[in-house]
């Protein structure tokens, strides 16, 4: 199942309880503390569900997961 921007935003707003309405797609989520590290585990499970792949330790990087645009690009790579 392909991950859409809307589904990701909705997920982050509901699970991480953060308002992303004023955030840009390249706004850093974890580096700035907008989303805390506790949400990372839930995000990984969410991504595994949407990409159909298992995430390994090498996948858990800010390069892959620190913004909406990075998460979407990472999800596309996993499903390609």
PDB file of N, CA and C in Angstrom:
ATOM      1  N   UNK A   1       0.850  -1.171   0.000  1.00  0.00           N
ATOM      2  CA  UNK A   1       0.000   0.000   0.000  1.00  0.00           C
ATOM      3  C   UNK A   1       0.897   1.236   0.000  1.00  0.00           C
ATOM      4  N   UNK A   2       0.710   2.120  -0.946  1.00  0.00           N
ATOM      5  CA  UNK A   2       1.521   3.327  -1.049  1.00  0.00           C
ATOM      6  C   UNK A   2       1.138   4.317   0.051  1.00  0.00           C
ATOM      7  N   UNK A   3       2.136   4.931   0.606  1.00  0.00           N
ATOM      8  CA  UNK A   3       1.931   5.922   1.654  1.00  0.00           C
ATOM      9  C   UNK A   3       1.706   7.280   1.014  1.00  0.00           C
ATOM     10  N   UNK A   4       0.608   7.918   1.358  1.00  0.00           N
ATOM     11  CA  UNK A   4       0.325   9.252   0.835  1.00  0.00           C
ATOM     12  C   UNK A   4       0.712  10.301   1.868  1.00  0.00           C
ATOM     13  N   UNK A   5       0.923  11.509   1.378  1.00  0.00           N
ATOM     14  CA  UNK A   5       1.247  12.629   2.257  1.00  0.00           C
ATOM     15  C   UNK A   5       0.129  12.839   3.271  1.00  0.00           C
ATOM     16  N   UNK A   6      -1.115  12.819   2.803  1.00  0.00           N
ATOM     17  CA  UNK A   6      -2.250  13.046   3.701  1.00  0.00           C
ATOM     18  C   UNK A   6      -2.325  11.998   4.796  1.00  0.00           C
ATOM     19  N   UNK A   7      -2.096  10.735   4.443  1.00  0.00           N
ATOM     20  CA  UNK A   7      -2.138   9.667   5.436  1.00  0.00           C
ATOM     21  C   UNK A   7      -1.025   9.832   6.470  1.00  0.00           C
ATOM     22  N   UNK A   8       0.152  10.234   6.017  1.00  0.00           N
ATOM     23  CA  UNK A   8       1.280  10.444   6.926  1.00  0.00           C
ATOM     24  C   UNK A   8       0.996  11.607   7.876  1.00  0.00           C
ATOM     25  N   UNK A   9       0.524  12.713   7.338  1.00  0.00           N
ATOM     26  CA  UNK A   9       0.210  13.887   8.170  1.00  0.00           C
ATOM     27  C   UNK A   9      -0.850  13.520   9.203  1.00  0.00           C
ATOM     28  N   UNK A  10      -1.894  12.860   8.765  1.00  0.00           N
ATOM     29  CA  UNK A  10      -2.967  12.469   9.683  1.00  0.00           C
ATOM     30  C   UNK A  10      -2.422  11.556  10.777  1.00  0.00           C
ATOM     31  N   UNK A  11      -1.602  10.609  10.392  1.00  0.00           N
ATOM     32  CA  UNK A  11      -1.013   9.695  11.365  1.00  0.00           C
ATOM     33  C   UNK A  11      -0.173  10.456  12.391  1.00  0.00           C
ATOM     34  N   UNK A  12       0.710  11.328  11.918  1.00  0.00           N
ATOM     35  CA  UNK A  12       1.580  12.067  12.829  1.00  0.00           C
ATOM     36  C   UNK A  12       0.775  12.972  13.758  1.00  0.00           C
ATOM     37  N   UNK A  13      -0.248  13.606  13.234  1.00  0.00           N
ATOM     38  CA  UNK A  13      -1.054  14.490  14.069  1.00  0.00           C
ATOM     39  C   UNK A  13      -1.816  13.698  15.129  1.00  0.00           C
ATOM     40  N   UNK A  14      -2.318  12.523  14.777  1.00  0.00           N
ATOM     41  CA  UNK A  14      -3.082  11.719  15.733  1.00  0.00           C
ATOM     42  C   UNK A  14      -2.179  11.001  16.736  1.00  0.00           C
ATOM     43  N   UNK A  15      -1.154  10.332  16.252  1.00  0.00           N
ATOM     44  CA  UNK A  15      -0.308   9.518  17.128  1.00  0.00           C
ATOM     45  C   UNK A  15       0.718  10.348  17.902  1.00  0.00           C
ATOM     46  N   UNK A  16       1.329  11.316  17.236  1.00  0.00           N
ATOM     47  CA  UNK A  16       2.345  12.134  17.901  1.00  0.00           C
ATOM     48  C   UNK A  16       1.725  13.361  18.566  1.00  0.00           C
ATOM     49  N   UNK A  17       0.451  13.551  18.325  1.00  0.00           N
ATOM     50  CA  UNK A  17      -0.297  14.671  18.904  1.00  0.00           C
ATOM     51  C   UNK A  17       0.410  16.009  18.658  1.00  0.00           C
ATOM     52  N   UNK A  18       0.720  16.223  17.390  1.00  0.00           N
ATOM     53  CA  UNK A  18       1.391  17.460  16.995  1.00  0.00           C
ATOM     54  C   UNK A  18       0.604  18.110  15.870  1.00  0.00           C
ATOM     55  N   UNK A  19       0.517  19.420  15.909  1.00  0.00           N
ATOM     56  CA  UNK A  19      -0.180  20.166  14.872  1.00  0.00           C
ATOM     57  C   UNK A  19       0.804  20.491  13.759  1.00  0.00           C
ATOM     58  N   UNK A  20       0.603  19.884  12.611  1.00  0.00           N
ATOM     59  CA  UNK A  20       1.496  20.100  11.471  1.00  0.00           C
ATOM     60  C   UNK A  20       0.898  21.049  10.447  1.00  0.00           C
ATOM     61  N   UNK A  21      -0.197  21.717  10.792  1.00  0.00           N
ATOM     62  CA  UNK A  21      -0.868  22.581   9.826  1.00  0.00           C
ATOM     63  C   UNK A  21       0.015  23.742   9.364  1.00  0.00           C
ATOM     64  N   UNK A  22       0.935  24.188  10.202  1.00  0.00           N
ATOM     65  CA  UNK A  22       1.825  25.291   9.826  1.00  0.00           C
ATOM     66  C   UNK A  22       3.209  24.817   9.383  1.00  0.00           C
ATOM     67  N   UNK A  23       3.432  23.516   9.442  1.00  0.00           N
ATOM     68  CA  UNK A  23       4.740  22.958   9.087  1.00  0.00           C
ATOM     69  C   UNK A  23       4.835  22.739   7.584  1.00  0.00           C
ATOM     70  N   UNK A  24       6.023  22.905   7.077  1.00  0.00           N
ATOM     71  CA  UNK A  24       6.320  22.601   5.680  1.00  0.00           C
ATOM     72  C   UNK A  24       6.733  21.130   5.589  1.00  0.00           C
ATOM     73  N   UNK A  25       6.736  20.587   4.396  1.00  0.00           N
ATOM     74  CA  UNK A  25       7.125  19.190   4.222  1.00  0.00           C
ATOM     75  C   UNK A  25       8.583  18.937   4.586  1.00  0.00           C
ATOM     76  N   UNK A  26       9.411  19.985   4.562  1.00  0.00           N
ATOM     77  CA  UNK A  26      10.820  19.805   4.911  1.00  0.00           C
ATOM     78  C   UNK A  26      11.145  20.267   6.334  1.00  0.00           C
ATOM     79  N   UNK A  27      10.131  20.587   7.120  1.00  0.00           N
ATOM     80  CA  UNK A  27      10.334  20.943   8.521  1.00  0.00           C
ATOM     81  C   UNK A  27      10.873  19.732   9.272  1.00  0.00           C
ATOM     82  N   UNK A  28      11.968  19.938   9.999  1.00  0.00           N
ATOM     83  CA  UNK A  28      12.552  18.840  10.763  1.00  0.00           C
ATOM     84  C   UNK A  28      11.628  18.488  11.924  1.00  0.00           C
ATOM     85  N   UNK A  29      11.304  17.236  12.033  1.00  0.00           N
ATOM     86  CA  UNK A  29      10.351  16.780  13.047  1.00  0.00           C
ATOM     87  C   UNK A  29      11.043  16.353  14.335  1.00  0.00           C
ATOM     88  N   UNK A  30      12.014  15.473  14.225  1.00  0.00           N
ATOM     89  CA  UNK A  30      12.678  14.938  15.409  1.00  0.00           C
ATOM     90  C   UNK A  30      13.812  15.837  15.877  1.00  0.00           C
ATOM     91  N   UNK A  31      14.571  16.409  14.958  1.00  0.00           N
ATOM     92  CA  UNK A  31      15.702  17.268  15.323  1.00  0.00           C
ATOM     93  C   UNK A  31      15.270  18.490  16.113  1.00  0.00           C
ATOM     94  N   UNK A  32      14.093  18.997  15.810  1.00  0.00           N
ATOM     95  CA  UNK A  32      13.599  20.195  16.487  1.00  0.00           C
ATOM     96  C   UNK A  32      12.781  19.882  17.729  1.00  0.00           C
ATOM     97  N   UNK A  33      12.448  18.611  17.933  1.00  0.00           N
ATOM     98  CA  UNK A  33      11.625  18.236  19.074  1.00  0.00           C
ATOM     99  C   UNK A  33      10.139  18.367  18.802  1.00  0.00           C
ATOM    100  N   UNK A  34       9.774  18.710  17.582  1.00  0.00           N
ATOM    101  CA  UNK A  34       8.361  18.803  17.221  1.00  0.00           C
ATOM    102  C   UNK A  34       7.673  17.457  17.448  1.00  0.00           C
ATOM    103  N   UNK A  35       8.372  16.394  17.095  1.00  0.00           N
ATOM    104  CA  UNK A  35       7.911  15.031  17.358  1.00  0.00           C
ATOM    105  C   UNK A  35       8.975  14.388  18.246  1.00  0.00           C
ATOM    106  N   UNK A  36       8.548  13.753  19.334  1.00  0.00           N
ATOM    107  CA  UNK A  36       9.538  13.172  20.248  1.00  0.00           C
ATOM    108  C   UNK A  36       9.944  11.760  19.831  1.00  0.00           C
ATOM    109  N   UNK A  37      11.002  11.296  20.436  1.00  0.00           N
ATOM    110  CA  UNK A  37      11.569  10.004  20.052  1.00  0.00           C
ATOM    111  C   UNK A  37      10.646   8.834  20.392  1.00  0.00           C
ATOM    112  N   UNK A  38       9.729   9.010  21.321  1.00  0.00           N
ATOM    113  CA  UNK A  38       8.794   7.940  21.642  1.00  0.00           C
ATOM    114  C   UNK A  38       7.893   7.627  20.448  1.00  0.00           C
ATOM    115  N   UNK A  39       7.637   8.621  19.616  1.00  0.00           N
ATOM    116  CA  UNK A  39       6.796   8.420  18.436  1.00  0.00           C
ATOM    117  C   UNK A  39       7.525   7.644  17.339  1.00  0.00           C
ATOM    118  N   UNK A  40       8.838   7.543  17.451  1.00  0.00           N
ATOM    119  CA  UNK A  40       9.628   6.869  16.423  1.00  0.00           C
ATOM    120  C   UNK A  40       9.232   5.403  16.272  1.00  0.00           C
ATOM    121  N   UNK A  41       9.037   4.709  17.377  1.00  0.00           N
ATOM    122  CA  UNK A  41       8.691   3.287  17.317  1.00  0.00           C
ATOM    123  C   UNK A  41       7.356   3.113  16.599  1.00  0.00           C
ATOM    124  N   UNK A  42       6.378   3.915  16.959  1.00  0.00           N
ATOM    125  CA  UNK A  42       5.076   3.837  16.290  1.00  0.00           C
ATOM    126  C   UNK A  42       5.199   4.173  14.812  1.00  0.00           C
ATOM    127  N   UNK A  43       6.027   5.154  14.499  1.00  0.00           N
ATOM    128  CA  UNK A  43       6.225   5.528  13.103  1.00  0.00           C
ATOM    129  C   UNK A  43       6.831   4.377  12.313  1.00  0.00           C
ATOM    130  N   UNK A  44       7.777   3.683  12.892  1.00  0.00           N
ATOM    131  CA  UNK A  44       8.397   2.547  12.199  1.00  0.00           C
ATOM    132  C   UNK A  44       7.379   1.449  11.909  1.00  0.00           C
ATOM    133  N   UNK A  45       6.526   1.148  12.866  1.00  0.00           N
ATOM    134  CA  UNK A  45       5.479   0.145  12.658  1.00  0.00           C
ATOM    135  C   UNK A  45       4.533   0.609  11.553  1.00  0.00           C
ATOM    136  N   UNK A  46       4.168   1.876  11.584  1.00  0.00           N
ATOM    137  CA  UNK A  46       3.299   2.466  10.561  1.00  0.00           C
ATOM    138  C   UNK A  46       3.943   2.337   9.180  1.00  0.00           C
ATOM    139  N   UNK A  47       5.224   2.649   9.082  1.00  0.00           N
ATOM    140  CA  UNK A  47       5.926   2.562   7.797  1.00  0.00           C
ATOM    141  C   UNK A  47       6.038   1.113   7.317  1.00  0.00           C
ATOM    142  N   UNK A  48       6.311   0.205   8.233  1.00  0.00           N
ATOM    143  CA  UNK A  48       6.376  -1.201   7.845  1.00  0.00           C
ATOM    144  C   UNK A  48       5.043  -1.667   7.268  1.00  0.00           C
ATOM    145  N   UNK A  49       3.964  -1.227   7.873  1.00  0.00           N
ATOM    146  CA  UNK A  49       2.635  -1.587   7.385  1.00  0.00           C
ATOM    147  C   UNK A  49       2.403  -1.045   5.979  1.00  0.00           C
ATOM    148  N   UNK A  50       2.802   0.189   5.746  1.00  0.00           N
ATOM    149  CA  UNK A  50       2.529   0.828   4.456  1.00  0.00           C
ATOM    150  C   UNK A  50       3.513   0.458   3.361  1.00  0.00           C
ATOM    151  N   UNK A  51       4.691  -0.007   3.734  1.00  0.00           N
ATOM    152  CA  UNK A  51       5.672  -0.371   2.711  1.00  0.00           C
ATOM    153  C   UNK A  51       5.766  -1.880   2.516  1.00  0.00           C
ATOM    154  N   UNK A  52       5.287  -2.628   3.498  1.00  0.00           N
ATOM    155  CA  UNK A  52       5.380  -4.077   3.409  1.00  0.00           C
ATOM    156  C   UNK A  52       6.777  -4.614   3.640  1.00  0.00           C
ATOM    157  N   UNK A  53       7.632  -3.804   4.240  1.00  0.00           N
ATOM    158  CA  UNK A  53       9.004  -4.233   4.518  1.00  0.00           C
ATOM    159  C   UNK A  53       9.315  -4.063   5.999  1.00  0.00           C
ATOM    160  N   UNK A  54      10.328  -4.781   6.456  1.00  0.00           N
ATOM    161  CA  UNK A  54      10.804  -4.645   7.823  1.00  0.00           C
ATOM    162  C   UNK A  54      11.895  -3.587   7.857  1.00  0.00           C
ATOM    163  N   UNK A  55      11.856  -2.737   8.856  1.00  0.00           N
ATOM    164  CA  UNK A  55      12.881  -1.717   9.030  1.00  0.00           C
ATOM    165  C   UNK A  55      14.010  -2.289   9.870  1.00  0.00           C
ATOM    166  N   UNK A  56      15.227  -2.031   9.440  1.00  0.00           N
ATOM    167  CA  UNK A  56      16.398  -2.457  10.197  1.00  0.00           C
ATOM    168  C   UNK A  56      17.035  -1.261  10.879  1.00  0.00           C
ATOM    169  N   UNK A  57      17.985  -1.495  11.757  1.00  0.00           N
ATOM    170  CA  UNK A  57      18.655  -0.399  12.458  1.00  0.00           C
ATOM    171  C   UNK A  57      19.282   0.621  11.507  1.00  0.00           C
ATOM    172  N   UNK A  58      19.742   0.143  10.354  1.00  0.00           N
ATOM    173  CA  UNK A  58      20.372   1.040   9.381  1.00  0.00           C
ATOM    174  C   UNK A  58      19.368   2.004   8.746  1.00  0.00           C
ATOM    175  N   UNK A  59      18.087   1.705   8.857  1.00  0.00           N
ATOM    176  CA  UNK A  59      17.044   2.554   8.279  1.00  0.00           C
ATOM    177  C   UNK A  59      16.630   3.695   9.199  1.00  0.00           C
ATOM    178  N   UNK A  60      16.937   3.565  10.479  1.00  0.00           N
ATOM    179  CA  UNK A  60      16.463   4.519  11.470  1.00  0.00           C
ATOM    180  C   UNK A  60      17.466   5.658  11.590  1.00  0.00           C
ATOM    181  N   UNK A  61      17.363   6.584  10.643  1.00  0.00           N
ATOM    182  CA  UNK A  61      18.259   7.741  10.611  1.00  0.00           C
ATOM    183  C   UNK A  61      17.452   9.007  10.376  1.00  0.00           C
ATOM    184  N   UNK A  62      18.031  10.127  10.769  1.00  0.00           N
ATOM    185  CA  UNK A  62      17.374  11.403  10.507  1.00  0.00           C
ATOM    186  C   UNK A  62      17.303  11.681   9.010  1.00  0.00           C
ATOM    187  N   UNK A  63      18.261  11.160   8.261  1.00  0.00           N
ATOM    188  CA  UNK A  63      18.215  11.326   6.804  1.00  0.00           C
ATOM    189  C   UNK A  63      16.957  10.707   6.219  1.00  0.00           C
ATOM    190  N   UNK A  64      16.468   9.649   6.834  1.00  0.00           N
ATOM    191  CA  UNK A  64      15.268   8.965   6.341  1.00  0.00           C
ATOM    192  C   UNK A  64      13.975   9.453   6.977  1.00  0.00           C
ATOM    193  N   UNK A  65      14.032   9.952   8.202  1.00  0.00           N
ATOM    194  CA  UNK A  65      12.800  10.103   8.973  1.00  0.00           C
ATOM    195  C   UNK A  65      12.579  11.481   9.611  1.00  0.00           C
ATOM    196  N   UNK A  66      13.378  12.483   9.297  1.00  0.00           N
ATOM    197  CA  UNK A  66      13.288  13.743  10.038  1.00  0.00           C
ATOM    198  C   UNK A  66      12.353  14.788   9.443  1.00  0.00           C
ATOM    199  N   UNK A  67      11.655  14.462   8.390  1.00  0.00           N
ATOM    200  CA  UNK A  67      10.674  15.401   7.832  1.00  0.00           C
ATOM    201  C   UNK A  67       9.650  14.606   7.029  1.00  0.00           C
ATOM    202  N   UNK A  68       8.545  15.243   6.744  1.00  0.00           N
ATOM    203  CA  UNK A  68       7.506  14.591   5.946  1.00  0.00           C
ATOM    204  C   UNK A  68       8.078  14.185   4.590  1.00  0.00           C
ATOM    205  N   UNK A  69       8.813  15.082   3.953  1.00  0.00           N
ATOM    206  CA  UNK A  69       9.357  14.763   2.627  1.00  0.00           C
ATOM    207  C   UNK A  69      10.363  13.619   2.695  1.00  0.00           C
ATOM    208  N   UNK A  70      11.183  13.577   3.738  1.00  0.00           N
ATOM    209  CA  UNK A  70      12.155  12.479   3.876  1.00  0.00           C
ATOM    210  C   UNK A  70      11.448  11.150   4.133  1.00  0.00           C
ATOM    211  N   UNK A  71      10.417  11.172   4.963  1.00  0.00           N
ATOM    212  CA  UNK A  71       9.672   9.943   5.254  1.00  0.00           C
ATOM    213  C   UNK A  71       9.009   9.408   3.990  1.00  0.00           C
ATOM    214  N   UNK A  72       8.396  10.303   3.225  1.00  0.00           N
ATOM    215  CA  UNK A  72       7.733   9.876   1.986  1.00  0.00           C
ATOM    216  C   UNK A  72       8.731   9.322   0.975  1.00  0.00           C
ATOM    217  N   UNK A  73       9.894   9.974   0.844  1.00  0.00           N
ATOM    218  CA  UNK A  73      10.924   9.489  -0.073  1.00  0.00           C
ATOM    219  C   UNK A  73      11.429   8.122   0.379  1.00  0.00           C
ATOM    220  N   UNK A  74      11.657   7.962   1.668  1.00  0.00           N
ATOM    221  CA  UNK A  74      12.108   6.689   2.216  1.00  0.00           C
ATOM    222  C   UNK A  74      11.071   5.598   1.960  1.00  0.00           C
ATOM    223  N   UNK A  75       9.801   5.905   2.185  1.00  0.00           N
ATOM    224  CA  UNK A  75       8.720   4.926   1.953  1.00  0.00           C
ATOM    225  C   UNK A  75       8.668   4.525   0.481  1.00  0.00           C
ATOM    226  N   UNK A  76       8.846   5.485  -0.427  1.00  0.00           N
ATOM    227  CA  UNK A  76       8.851   5.166  -1.867  1.00  0.00           C
ATOM    228  C   UNK A  76      10.004   4.233  -2.209  1.00  0.00           C
ATOM    229  N   UNK A  77      11.177   4.491  -1.623  1.00  0.00           N
ATOM    230  CA  UNK A  77      12.341   3.628  -1.878  1.00  0.00           C
ATOM    231  C   UNK A  77      12.093   2.202  -1.395  1.00  0.00           C
ATOM    232  N   UNK A  78      11.403   2.066  -0.288  1.00  0.00           N
ATOM    233  CA  UNK A  78      11.138   0.750   0.284  1.00  0.00           C
ATOM    234  C   UNK A  78      10.166  -0.060  -0.572  1.00  0.00           C
ATOM    235  N   UNK A  79       9.266   0.628  -1.252  1.00  0.00           N
ATOM    236  CA  UNK A  79       8.270  -0.074  -2.050  1.00  0.00           C
ATOM    237  C   UNK A  79       8.681  -0.220  -3.507  1.00  0.00           C
ATOM    238  N   UNK A  80       9.795   0.389  -3.879  1.00  0.00           N
ATOM    239  CA  UNK A  80      10.241   0.319  -5.279  1.00  0.00           C
ATOM    240  C   UNK A  80      10.894  -1.003  -5.604  1.00  0.00           C
TER     241      UNK A  80
END
